Structures are given as C-alpha cells and as structure tokens.
Amino acid sequence: MSKHTEFKRITTNSLQLMKANGEKFSMLTAYDYSFAKIFDQAGLEVILVGDSAGNVMAGHETTLPITLEQMIYHTQSVVRGAKRALIVADLPFGTYQSNGEVALASSIRMMKEGGAHALKLEGGLEVCNSVKRIVEAGIPVMGHLGLTPQSIYKFGTYNVRAKEEAEAEKLKSDALALQEAGVFAIVLEKIPSKLAKEVTESLQVPTIGIGAGNSCDGQVLVMHDMLGLYNEFNPRFVRKYMNLFEPVTQAIQQYINDIKSGDFPNKEESY
C-alpha cells in the first residue's frame, strides 16, 4: 500500500518530506481556473503553469513565443482555483537567460503579479547564477534538465536526451550544481530511466520525471496529453487516462444537430 501524507497546504518542504519518506507525488499542468479547481480538489500535490500554454492554449509550434505577461495571466487564473496544491509557474524563454538581474526582475513579477508559489526554469550550470540570485531573494526555484523545450532549436529534435556518456555526465553534474545553487526540485525530461534513477539517488532534493522512468520522486504530464484532448500527439511516455477528444467531438456534433433539427432547446429548456 502506498504511503499518503495529509498536508493542509503543499509546500516545497512537503515535497522534501515526501522524498525522505519514500512517498511519490503527482504534478500536472493547468492553465485556467476551472481545471486548477478540479485538479486541486482531486488531491494533486503540484500544479505546473507550464509554458506549454504556448502550444496547447495558444497554438504555437514551440514554447518560445509565450510572453511573461501571458504566463502571469495563466498563473493568476490557476492560483484562484487551487487552495491546497503547490503552484509552480514556468519562467518563459528570454526572461532569465541573459543575467541574474533580469532573471530576478522576471521572477518578482511572476510572484507578485501572478501569485505563484515557486518558479521553474530550464538549464544546468549556465543558469545557476540566475537560480542563486532568485533563491537569495526568497523565491523557490525548480530546475529542469534533459529535454528542455525552450532549447528545441539547439537540439533540433524532441528525441531522448543524454543517451551518450558525455551528455549523461553533464546532466549529472548539472543536477548537483542546481542543487548547490538552491533549487528545491528538478524536472528530468525524456532521459533514460537508468540515468534518472542515478540522478534521483544522488540528490537530496526531489526529482520529477516526464519520460524518465519510475525512479523519480514525482511525475508530471501535460493535462491535454493525460486527458486525451489531442489525437495527433502520442509519445510513449504519455498514459492517456481518458480519451476526451472523441466524446467532446461527438457532444459538439450532437449539439449542432439538435439545433439544426429544432430539438434544442425543447419545452423543458425554455421559459
């Protein structure tokens, strides 16, 4: 039987305690009030306001175009819906890479205006100065290694990362550097499960996997993937817990047909 600790409000410390107790935790993305409320009431520990909003909410090909203002808006919406979950917001591309002062200014806006509880940013050693600067200001930071979608044009592919020894060694040292810089957790995306296990065991802070096997302390998926809201994107690491695309399509088609046939609204649905 899996362990389950009750927390009135999930904090970064809660995740640390769960790792220490060998208790796994769950994270999903959300971008609006309604889904945040459902996820929170269902008992989800962490809600990520992902820059994947650029893809699933705005229709961009990559996460790169989404702005700080747009991420603040999505974060505000999610914060209003969740009363227990820890809400982590992505810092979008271009708002932290140049230097620590820019990163801190972006972070302060996300916390003050967005209402996030913590922030996530991508990269290893190259962003550690920014991480330190943000953490020194009292803002919790989650790291992100492996396949980092903001660097997609550098990678040129969404394939698994760190299969070669040199990249695997860099990822391991990056994880330790991020921990040293003060992150409270690290997302490991699309890396070999053996490597994810090594990294998880080497760290005091929890890891969160997405396509990184079962040894991470937590797991995350994009809500649209997990709920089957798309039918054209099926990576092997996604488990579809529902296939909402088909019943939603059918419901809308039925609605259209009922209007055209004069069946909706009927007498009971009229005043």
C-alpha atoms as a PDB file:
ATOM      1  CA  MET A   1       0.000   0.000   0.000  1.00  0.00           C
ATOM      2  CA  SER A   2       1.431   3.399  -0.946  1.00  0.00           C
ATOM      3  CA  LYS A   3       2.139   5.966   1.737  1.00  0.00           C
ATOM      4  CA  HIS A   4      -0.046   9.033   1.795  1.00  0.00           C
ATOM      5  CA  THR A   5       0.683  12.048   3.978  1.00  0.00           C
ATOM      6  CA  GLU A   6      -2.010  14.654   4.518  1.00  0.00           C
ATOM      7  CA  PHE A   7      -0.910  18.273   4.173  1.00  0.00           C
ATOM      8  CA  LYS A   8      -3.242  21.223   4.652  1.00  0.00           C
ATOM      9  CA  ARG A   9      -1.223  23.107   2.050  1.00  0.00           C
ATOM     10  CA  ILE A  10       1.538  21.587  -0.075  1.00  0.00           C
ATOM     11  CA  THR A  11       4.823  23.492   0.178  1.00  0.00           C
ATOM     12  CA  THR A  12       8.348  22.921  -1.092  1.00  0.00           C
ATOM     13  CA  ASN A  13       9.048  21.414   2.336  1.00  0.00           C
ATOM     14  CA  SER A  14       6.168  18.928   1.865  1.00  0.00           C
ATOM     15  CA  LEU A  15       7.874  17.551  -1.258  1.00  0.00           C
ATOM     16  CA  GLN A  16      11.167  17.254   0.625  1.00  0.00           C
ATOM     17  CA  LEU A  17       9.412  15.287   3.398  1.00  0.00           C
ATOM     18  CA  MET A  18       7.718  13.044   0.840  1.00  0.00           C
ATOM     19  CA  LYS A  19      11.059  12.212  -0.792  1.00  0.00           C
ATOM     20  CA  ALA A  20      12.565  11.457   2.643  1.00  0.00           C
ATOM     21  CA  ASN A  21       9.605   9.148   3.409  1.00  0.00           C
ATOM     22  CA  GLY A  22       9.759   7.409   0.020  1.00  0.00           C
ATOM     23  CA  GLU A  23       6.324   8.781  -0.916  1.00  0.00           C
ATOM     24  CA  LYS A  24       5.724   9.669  -4.552  1.00  0.00           C
ATOM     25  CA  PHE A  25       3.909  12.849  -5.569  1.00  0.00           C
ATOM     26  CA  SER A  26       1.951  13.961  -8.619  1.00  0.00           C
ATOM     27  CA  MET A  27       2.122  17.046 -10.844  1.00  0.00           C
ATOM     28  CA  LEU A  28       0.039  18.113 -13.836  1.00  0.00           C
ATOM     29  CA  THR A  29      -0.025  21.254 -15.926  1.00  0.00           C
ATOM     30  CA  ALA A  30      -3.020  23.603 -15.739  1.00  0.00           C
ATOM     31  CA  TYR A  31      -3.618  26.968 -17.338  1.00  0.00           C
ATOM     32  CA  ASP A  32      -7.027  28.137 -16.095  1.00  0.00           C
ATOM     33  CA  TYR A  33      -9.258  28.426 -13.036  1.00  0.00           C
ATOM     34  CA  SER A  34     -11.687  25.594 -13.850  1.00  0.00           C
ATOM     35  CA  PHE A  35      -9.154  22.813 -14.351  1.00  0.00           C
ATOM     36  CA  ALA A  36      -6.992  24.074 -11.464  1.00  0.00           C
ATOM     37  CA  LYS A  37     -10.004  23.758  -9.161  1.00  0.00           C
ATOM     38  CA  ILE A  38     -10.738  20.191 -10.330  1.00  0.00           C
ATOM     39  CA  PHE A  39      -7.092  19.106 -10.013  1.00  0.00           C
ATOM     40  CA  ASP A  40      -6.789  20.664  -6.564  1.00  0.00           C
ATOM     41  CA  GLN A  41      -9.948  19.022  -5.255  1.00  0.00           C
ATOM     42  CA  ALA A  42      -8.820  15.674  -6.706  1.00  0.00           C
ATOM     43  CA  GLY A  43      -5.753  15.812  -4.447  1.00  0.00           C
ATOM     44  CA  LEU A  44      -2.956  16.683  -6.895  1.00  0.00           C
ATOM     45  CA  GLU A  45       0.123  17.852  -4.989  1.00  0.00           C
ATOM     46  CA  VAL A  46       1.678  20.189  -7.570  1.00  0.00           C
ATOM     47  CA  ILE A  47       0.172  22.212 -10.399  1.00  0.00           C
ATOM     48  CA  LEU A  48       2.596  23.451 -13.042  1.00  0.00           C
ATOM     49  CA  VAL A  49       1.534  26.517 -15.001  1.00  0.00           C
ATOM     50  CA  GLY A  50       3.646  25.399 -17.926  1.00  0.00           C
ATOM     51  CA  ASP A  51       4.958  27.466 -20.790  1.00  0.00           C
ATOM     52  CA  SER A  52       3.384  24.581 -22.738  1.00  0.00           C
ATOM     53  CA  ALA A  53       0.462  27.039 -22.680  1.00  0.00           C
ATOM     54  CA  GLY A  54       2.198  28.395 -25.769  1.00  0.00           C
ATOM     55  CA  ASN A  55       1.421  25.079 -27.501  1.00  0.00           C
ATOM     56  CA  VAL A  56      -1.856  23.833 -26.016  1.00  0.00           C
ATOM     57  CA  MET A  57      -3.603  27.145 -25.302  1.00  0.00           C
ATOM     58  CA  ALA A  58      -2.192  29.486 -27.960  1.00  0.00           C
ATOM     59  CA  GLY A  59      -1.399  27.045 -30.783  1.00  0.00           C
ATOM     60  CA  HIS A  60       2.286  27.886 -31.233  1.00  0.00           C
ATOM     61  CA  GLU A  61       4.610  25.231 -32.633  1.00  0.00           C
ATOM     62  CA  THR A  62       7.064  25.661 -29.732  1.00  0.00           C
ATOM     63  CA  THR A  63       7.023  27.142 -26.216  1.00  0.00           C
ATOM     64  CA  LEU A  64       9.273  30.038 -27.273  1.00  0.00           C
ATOM     65  CA  PRO A  65       6.705  32.731 -28.235  1.00  0.00           C
ATOM     66  CA  ILE A  66       4.791  32.860 -24.935  1.00  0.00           C
ATOM     67  CA  THR A  67       5.459  36.088 -23.017  1.00  0.00           C
ATOM     68  CA  LEU A  68       5.919  36.888 -19.337  1.00  0.00           C
ATOM     69  CA  GLU A  69       2.615  38.804 -19.357  1.00  0.00           C
ATOM     70  CA  GLN A  70       0.766  35.783 -20.785  1.00  0.00           C
ATOM     71  CA  MET A  71       2.343  33.471 -18.195  1.00  0.00           C
ATOM     72  CA  ILE A  72       1.345  35.887 -15.424  1.00  0.00           C
ATOM     73  CA  TYR A  73      -2.265  35.810 -16.694  1.00  0.00           C
ATOM     74  CA  HIS A  74      -2.404  31.988 -16.751  1.00  0.00           C
ATOM     75  CA  THR A  75      -0.798  31.805 -13.297  1.00  0.00           C
ATOM     76  CA  GLN A  76      -3.317  34.259 -11.820  1.00  0.00           C
ATOM     77  CA  SER A  77      -6.158  32.100 -13.177  1.00  0.00           C
ATOM     78  CA  VAL A  78      -4.723  28.883 -11.710  1.00  0.00           C
ATOM     79  CA  VAL A  79      -3.972  30.461  -8.312  1.00  0.00           C
ATOM     80  CA  ARG A  80      -7.645  31.445  -7.942  1.00  0.00           C
ATOM     81  CA  GLY A  81      -8.712  27.821  -8.484  1.00  0.00           C
ATOM     82  CA  ALA A  82      -6.296  25.935  -6.196  1.00  0.00           C
ATOM     83  CA  LYS A  83      -6.339  26.110  -2.409  1.00  0.00           C
ATOM     84  CA  ARG A  84      -4.041  23.200  -1.454  1.00  0.00           C
ATOM     85  CA  ALA A  85      -1.657  22.384  -4.315  1.00  0.00           C
ATOM     86  CA  LEU A  86       1.785  23.938  -4.703  1.00  0.00           C
ATOM     87  CA  ILE A  87       1.632  26.164  -7.794  1.00  0.00           C
ATOM     88  CA  VAL A  88       4.822  26.343  -9.840  1.00  0.00           C
ATOM     89  CA  ALA A  89       4.996  28.684 -12.846  1.00  0.00           C
ATOM     90  CA  ASP A  90       7.421  28.450 -15.756  1.00  0.00           C
ATOM     91  CA  LEU A  91       9.620  31.430 -16.489  1.00  0.00           C
ATOM     92  CA  PRO A  92       9.248  31.811 -20.268  1.00  0.00           C
ATOM     93  CA  PHE A  93      12.107  31.885 -22.774  1.00  0.00           C
ATOM     94  CA  GLY A  94      14.089  35.126 -22.745  1.00  0.00           C
ATOM     95  CA  THR A  95      13.119  36.221 -19.231  1.00  0.00           C
ATOM     96  CA  TYR A  96      16.054  34.719 -17.295  1.00  0.00           C
ATOM     97  CA  GLN A  97      18.834  33.560 -19.643  1.00  0.00           C
ATOM     98  CA  SER A  98      20.751  36.836 -20.081  1.00  0.00           C
ATOM     99  CA  ASN A  99      21.758  37.544 -16.467  1.00  0.00           C
ATOM    100  CA  GLY A 100      20.760  37.194 -12.824  1.00  0.00           C
ATOM    101  CA  GLU A 101      19.267  40.680 -12.517  1.00  0.00           C
ATOM    102  CA  VAL A 102      16.912  40.153 -15.468  1.00  0.00           C
ATOM    103  CA  ALA A 103      16.010  36.721 -14.066  1.00  0.00           C
ATOM    104  CA  LEU A 104      15.252  38.217 -10.654  1.00  0.00           C
ATOM    105  CA  ALA A 105      13.111  41.011 -12.125  1.00  0.00           C
ATOM    106  CA  SER A 106      11.077  38.435 -14.114  1.00  0.00           C
ATOM    107  CA  SER A 107      10.729  36.233 -11.034  1.00  0.00           C
ATOM    108  CA  ILE A 108       9.499  39.075  -8.848  1.00  0.00           C
ATOM    109  CA  ARG A 109       6.798  39.882 -11.411  1.00  0.00           C
ATOM    110  CA  MET A 110       5.690  36.233 -11.600  1.00  0.00           C
ATOM    111  CA  MET A 111       5.423  36.039  -7.805  1.00  0.00           C
ATOM    112  CA  LYS A 112       3.865  39.470  -7.142  1.00  0.00           C
ATOM    113  CA  GLU A 113       1.529  39.710 -10.128  1.00  0.00           C
ATOM    114  CA  GLY A 114       0.992  36.035 -10.920  1.00  0.00           C
ATOM    115  CA  GLY A 115       0.773  34.801  -7.350  1.00  0.00           C
ATOM    116  CA  ALA A 116       2.908  31.704  -7.991  1.00  0.00           C
ATOM    117  CA  HIS A 117       4.375  29.831  -5.016  1.00  0.00           C
ATOM    118  CA  ALA A 118       7.527  28.845  -6.918  1.00  0.00           C
ATOM    119  CA  LEU A 119       9.114  29.160 -10.360  1.00  0.00           C
ATOM    120  CA  LYS A 120      10.648  26.708 -12.831  1.00  0.00           C
ATOM    121  CA  LEU A 121      13.425  27.441 -15.278  1.00  0.00           C
ATOM    122  CA  GLU A 122      15.348  25.298 -17.738  1.00  0.00           C
ATOM    123  CA  GLY A 123      19.075  24.593 -17.895  1.00  0.00           C
ATOM    124  CA  GLY A 124      22.044  23.469 -15.845  1.00  0.00           C
ATOM    125  CA  LEU A 125      25.310  25.137 -14.866  1.00  0.00           C
ATOM    126  CA  GLU A 126      24.653  28.029 -17.279  1.00  0.00           C
ATOM    127  CA  VAL A 127      21.620  29.205 -15.274  1.00  0.00           C
ATOM    128  CA  CYS A 128      22.996  28.552 -11.777  1.00  0.00           C
ATOM    129  CA  ASN A 129      23.900  32.211 -11.191  1.00  0.00           C
ATOM    130  CA  SER A 130      20.321  33.199 -12.006  1.00  0.00           C
ATOM    131  CA  VAL A 131      18.998  30.441  -9.723  1.00  0.00           C
ATOM    132  CA  LYS A 132      21.183  31.659  -6.841  1.00  0.00           C
ATOM    133  CA  ARG A 133      20.065  35.258  -7.357  1.00  0.00           C
ATOM    134  CA  ILE A 134      16.368  34.294  -7.352  1.00  0.00           C
ATOM    135  CA  VAL A 135      16.673  31.950  -4.358  1.00  0.00           C
ATOM    136  CA  GLU A 136      18.612  34.604  -2.377  1.00  0.00           C
ATOM    137  CA  ALA A 137      15.574  36.866  -2.848  1.00  0.00           C
ATOM    138  CA  GLY A 138      13.417  34.243  -1.097  1.00  0.00           C
ATOM    139  CA  ILE A 139      11.801  32.763  -4.212  1.00  0.00           C
ATOM    140  CA  PRO A 140      11.747  28.934  -4.515  1.00  0.00           C
ATOM    141  CA  VAL A 141      13.108  27.590  -7.820  1.00  0.00           C
ATOM    142  CA  MET A 142      12.523  24.248  -9.561  1.00  0.00           C
ATOM    143  CA  GLY A 143      15.133  23.149 -12.100  1.00  0.00           C
ATOM    144  CA  HIS A 144      14.574  21.351 -15.419  1.00  0.00           C
ATOM    145  CA  LEU A 145      17.130  19.128 -17.182  1.00  0.00           C
ATOM    146  CA  GLY A 146      17.185  16.672 -20.085  1.00  0.00           C
ATOM    147  CA  LEU A 147      14.915  17.632 -22.957  1.00  0.00           C
ATOM    148  CA  THR A 148      14.425  21.339 -22.291  1.00  0.00           C
ATOM    149  CA  PRO A 149      11.770  22.529 -24.785  1.00  0.00           C
ATOM    150  CA  GLN A 150      12.974  26.155 -24.782  1.00  0.00           C
ATOM    151  CA  SER A 151      16.210  24.848 -26.381  1.00  0.00           C
ATOM    152  CA  ILE A 152      14.422  22.871 -29.099  1.00  0.00           C
ATOM    153  CA  TYR A 153      16.131  24.737 -31.948  1.00  0.00           C
ATOM    154  CA  LYS A 154      19.533  23.893 -30.451  1.00  0.00           C
ATOM    155  CA  PHE A 155      18.607  20.192 -30.139  1.00  0.00           C
ATOM    156  CA  GLY A 156      16.777  20.115 -33.486  1.00  0.00           C
ATOM    157  CA  THR A 157      14.672  17.170 -32.285  1.00  0.00           C
ATOM    158  CA  TYR A 158      12.403  16.044 -29.446  1.00  0.00           C
ATOM    159  CA  ASN A 159      14.282  12.734 -29.134  1.00  0.00           C
ATOM    160  CA  VAL A 160      15.528  11.272 -25.837  1.00  0.00           C
ATOM    161  CA  ARG A 161      18.421  13.232 -24.314  1.00  0.00           C
ATOM    162  CA  ALA A 162      21.593  12.080 -22.502  1.00  0.00           C
ATOM    163  CA  LYS A 163      21.864   8.637 -24.118  1.00  0.00           C
ATOM    164  CA  GLU A 164      25.563   9.310 -24.815  1.00  0.00           C
ATOM    165  CA  GLU A 165      28.004   9.204 -21.903  1.00  0.00           C
ATOM    166  CA  ALA A 166      29.262  12.799 -22.229  1.00  0.00           C
ATOM    167  CA  GLU A 167      25.754  14.294 -22.103  1.00  0.00           C
ATOM    168  CA  ALA A 168      24.779  11.943 -19.263  1.00  0.00           C
ATOM    169  CA  GLU A 169      27.804  13.045 -17.217  1.00  0.00           C
ATOM    170  CA  LYS A 170      26.976  16.716 -17.873  1.00  0.00           C
ATOM    171  CA  LEU A 171      23.384  16.130 -16.761  1.00  0.00           C
ATOM    172  CA  LYS A 172      24.582  14.530 -13.517  1.00  0.00           C
ATOM    173  CA  SER A 173      26.929  17.425 -12.754  1.00  0.00           C
ATOM    174  CA  ASP A 174      24.249  19.963 -13.769  1.00  0.00           C
ATOM    175  CA  ALA A 175      21.818  18.354 -11.313  1.00  0.00           C
ATOM    176  CA  LEU A 176      24.322  18.644  -8.466  1.00  0.00           C
ATOM    177  CA  ALA A 177      25.150  22.244  -9.479  1.00  0.00           C
ATOM    178  CA  LEU A 178      21.426  23.168  -9.449  1.00  0.00           C
ATOM    179  CA  GLN A 179      21.040  21.589  -6.006  1.00  0.00           C
ATOM    180  CA  GLU A 180      24.061  23.560  -4.794  1.00  0.00           C
ATOM    181  CA  ALA A 181      22.536  26.748  -6.295  1.00  0.00           C
ATOM    182  CA  GLY A 182      19.424  26.182  -4.152  1.00  0.00           C
ATOM    183  CA  VAL A 183      16.677  24.552  -6.246  1.00  0.00           C
ATOM    184  CA  PHE A 184      14.029  22.657  -4.244  1.00  0.00           C
ATOM    185  CA  ALA A 185      13.325  20.074  -7.006  1.00  0.00           C
ATOM    186  CA  ILE A 186      14.390  19.179 -10.549  1.00  0.00           C
ATOM    187  CA  VAL A 187      12.290  18.032 -13.515  1.00  0.00           C
ATOM    188  CA  LEU A 188      14.012  15.331 -15.610  1.00  0.00           C
ATOM    189  CA  GLU A 189      12.506  15.187 -19.084  1.00  0.00           C
ATOM    190  CA  LYS A 190      12.913  12.402 -21.647  1.00  0.00           C
ATOM    191  CA  ILE A 191      16.119  10.807 -20.404  1.00  0.00           C
ATOM    192  CA  PRO A 192      16.999   7.095 -19.921  1.00  0.00           C
ATOM    193  CA  SER A 193      15.352   5.687 -16.776  1.00  0.00           C
ATOM    194  CA  LYS A 194      18.704   4.289 -15.523  1.00  0.00           C
ATOM    195  CA  LEU A 195      20.207   7.795 -15.614  1.00  0.00           C
ATOM    196  CA  ALA A 196      17.125   9.309 -13.925  1.00  0.00           C
ATOM    197  CA  LYS A 197      17.477   6.715 -11.132  1.00  0.00           C
ATOM    198  CA  GLU A 198      21.167   7.612 -10.633  1.00  0.00           C
ATOM    199  CA  VAL A 199      20.405  11.339 -10.513  1.00  0.00           C
ATOM    200  CA  THR A 200      17.453  10.860  -8.136  1.00  0.00           C
ATOM    201  CA  GLU A 201      19.588   8.807  -5.746  1.00  0.00           C
ATOM    202  CA  SER A 202      22.458  11.322  -5.897  1.00  0.00           C
ATOM    203  CA  LEU A 203      20.277  14.281  -4.882  1.00  0.00           C
ATOM    204  CA  GLN A 204      18.780  15.404  -1.592  1.00  0.00           C
ATOM    205  CA  VAL A 205      16.093  17.388  -3.452  1.00  0.00           C
ATOM    206  CA  PRO A 206      13.236  15.542  -5.183  1.00  0.00           C
ATOM    207  CA  THR A 207      13.159  14.791  -8.903  1.00  0.00           C
ATOM    208  CA  ILE A 208      10.056  14.882 -11.112  1.00  0.00           C
ATOM    209  CA  GLY A 209      10.029  12.706 -14.193  1.00  0.00           C
ATOM    210  CA  ILE A 210       8.400  13.091 -17.577  1.00  0.00           C
ATOM    211  CA  GLY A 211       9.538  10.284 -19.846  1.00  0.00           C
ATOM    212  CA  ALA A 212      12.269   9.474 -17.303  1.00  0.00           C
ATOM    213  CA  GLY A 213      11.094   6.163 -15.826  1.00  0.00           C
ATOM    214  CA  ASN A 214       9.665   5.171 -12.477  1.00  0.00           C
ATOM    215  CA  SER A 215      12.522   6.039 -10.105  1.00  0.00           C
ATOM    216  CA  CYS A 216      11.855   9.782  -9.865  1.00  0.00           C
ATOM    217  CA  ASP A 217      10.230  11.106  -6.688  1.00  0.00           C
ATOM    218  CA  GLY A 218       7.286  12.584  -8.618  1.00  0.00           C
ATOM    219  CA  GLN A 219       5.801  12.508 -12.116  1.00  0.00           C
ATOM    220  CA  VAL A 220       4.377  15.215 -14.375  1.00  0.00           C
ATOM    221  CA  LEU A 221       2.338  15.200 -17.574  1.00  0.00           C
ATOM    222  CA  VAL A 222       0.718  17.889 -19.683  1.00  0.00           C
ATOM    223  CA  MET A 223      -3.003  17.775 -18.846  1.00  0.00           C
ATOM    224  CA  HIS A 224      -4.061  17.764 -22.510  1.00  0.00           C
ATOM    225  CA  ASP A 225      -1.948  14.635 -23.120  1.00  0.00           C
ATOM    226  CA  MET A 226      -3.083  12.787 -19.978  1.00  0.00           C
ATOM    227  CA  LEU A 227      -6.777  13.551 -20.648  1.00  0.00           C
ATOM    228  CA  GLY A 228      -6.520  12.656 -24.342  1.00  0.00           C
ATOM    229  CA  LEU A 229      -7.610  16.066 -25.600  1.00  0.00           C
ATOM    230  CA  TYR A 230      -5.297  15.680 -28.604  1.00  0.00           C
ATOM    231  CA  ASN A 231      -5.392  12.776 -31.027  1.00  0.00           C
ATOM    232  CA  GLU A 232      -2.262  13.566 -33.069  1.00  0.00           C
ATOM    233  CA  PHE A 233       0.380  13.525 -30.297  1.00  0.00           C
ATOM    234  CA  ASN A 234       1.166  10.128 -28.762  1.00  0.00           C
ATOM    235  CA  PRO A 235       4.663   9.914 -27.225  1.00  0.00           C
ATOM    236  CA  ARG A 236       5.401   6.635 -25.447  1.00  0.00           C
ATOM    237  CA  PHE A 237       5.766   8.319 -22.023  1.00  0.00           C
ATOM    238  CA  VAL A 238       2.142   9.552 -22.015  1.00  0.00           C
ATOM    239  CA  ARG A 239      -0.546   7.396 -20.445  1.00  0.00           C
ATOM    240  CA  LYS A 240      -3.967   8.593 -21.581  1.00  0.00           C
ATOM    241  CA  TYR A 241      -6.238   8.239 -18.558  1.00  0.00           C
ATOM    242  CA  MET A 242      -9.147   9.378 -20.728  1.00  0.00           C
ATOM    243  CA  ASN A 243      -9.671   9.943 -24.424  1.00  0.00           C
ATOM    244  CA  LEU A 244     -11.683  13.156 -24.253  1.00  0.00           C
ATOM    245  CA  PHE A 245     -11.100  14.146 -27.877  1.00  0.00           C
ATOM    246  CA  GLU A 246     -13.719  11.715 -29.204  1.00  0.00           C
ATOM    247  CA  PRO A 247     -16.599  12.232 -26.711  1.00  0.00           C
ATOM    248  CA  VAL A 248     -16.119  16.021 -26.784  1.00  0.00           C
ATOM    249  CA  THR A 249     -16.212  15.989 -30.600  1.00  0.00           C
ATOM    250  CA  GLN A 250     -19.327  13.789 -30.529  1.00  0.00           C
ATOM    251  CA  ALA A 251     -21.042  16.021 -27.949  1.00  0.00           C
ATOM    252  CA  ILE A 252     -20.429  19.128 -30.063  1.00  0.00           C
ATOM    253  CA  GLN A 253     -21.684  17.387 -33.205  1.00  0.00           C
ATOM    254  CA  GLN A 254     -24.825  16.301 -31.318  1.00  0.00           C
ATOM    255  CA  TYR A 255     -25.338  19.903 -30.111  1.00  0.00           C
ATOM    256  CA  ILE A 256     -25.082  21.169 -33.704  1.00  0.00           C
ATOM    257  CA  ASN A 257     -27.508  18.503 -34.942  1.00  0.00           C
ATOM    258  CA  ASP A 258     -30.031  19.206 -32.149  1.00  0.00           C
ATOM    259  CA  ILE A 259     -30.054  22.915 -33.007  1.00  0.00           C
ATOM    260  CA  LYS A 260     -30.445  22.241 -36.735  1.00  0.00           C
ATOM    261  CA  SER A 261     -33.296  19.758 -36.155  1.00  0.00           C
ATOM    262  CA  GLY A 262     -35.097  22.114 -33.765  1.00  0.00           C
ATOM    263  CA  ASP A 263     -34.741  19.663 -30.870  1.00  0.00           C
ATOM    264  CA  PHE A 264     -32.717  22.101 -28.741  1.00  0.00           C
ATOM    265  CA  PRO A 265     -33.978  23.909 -26.769  1.00  0.00           C
ATOM    266  CA  ASN A 266     -37.131  21.880 -26.040  1.00  0.00           C
ATOM    267  CA  LYS A 267     -40.132  22.987 -23.897  1.00  0.00           C
ATOM    268  CA  GLU A 268     -38.467  21.998 -20.590  1.00  0.00           C
ATOM    269  CA  GLU A 269     -35.389  24.055 -21.524  1.00  0.00           C
ATOM    270  CA  SER A 270     -37.417  27.162 -22.368  1.00  0.00           C
ATOM    271  CA  TYR A 271     -39.099  29.820 -20.178  1.00  0.00           C
END
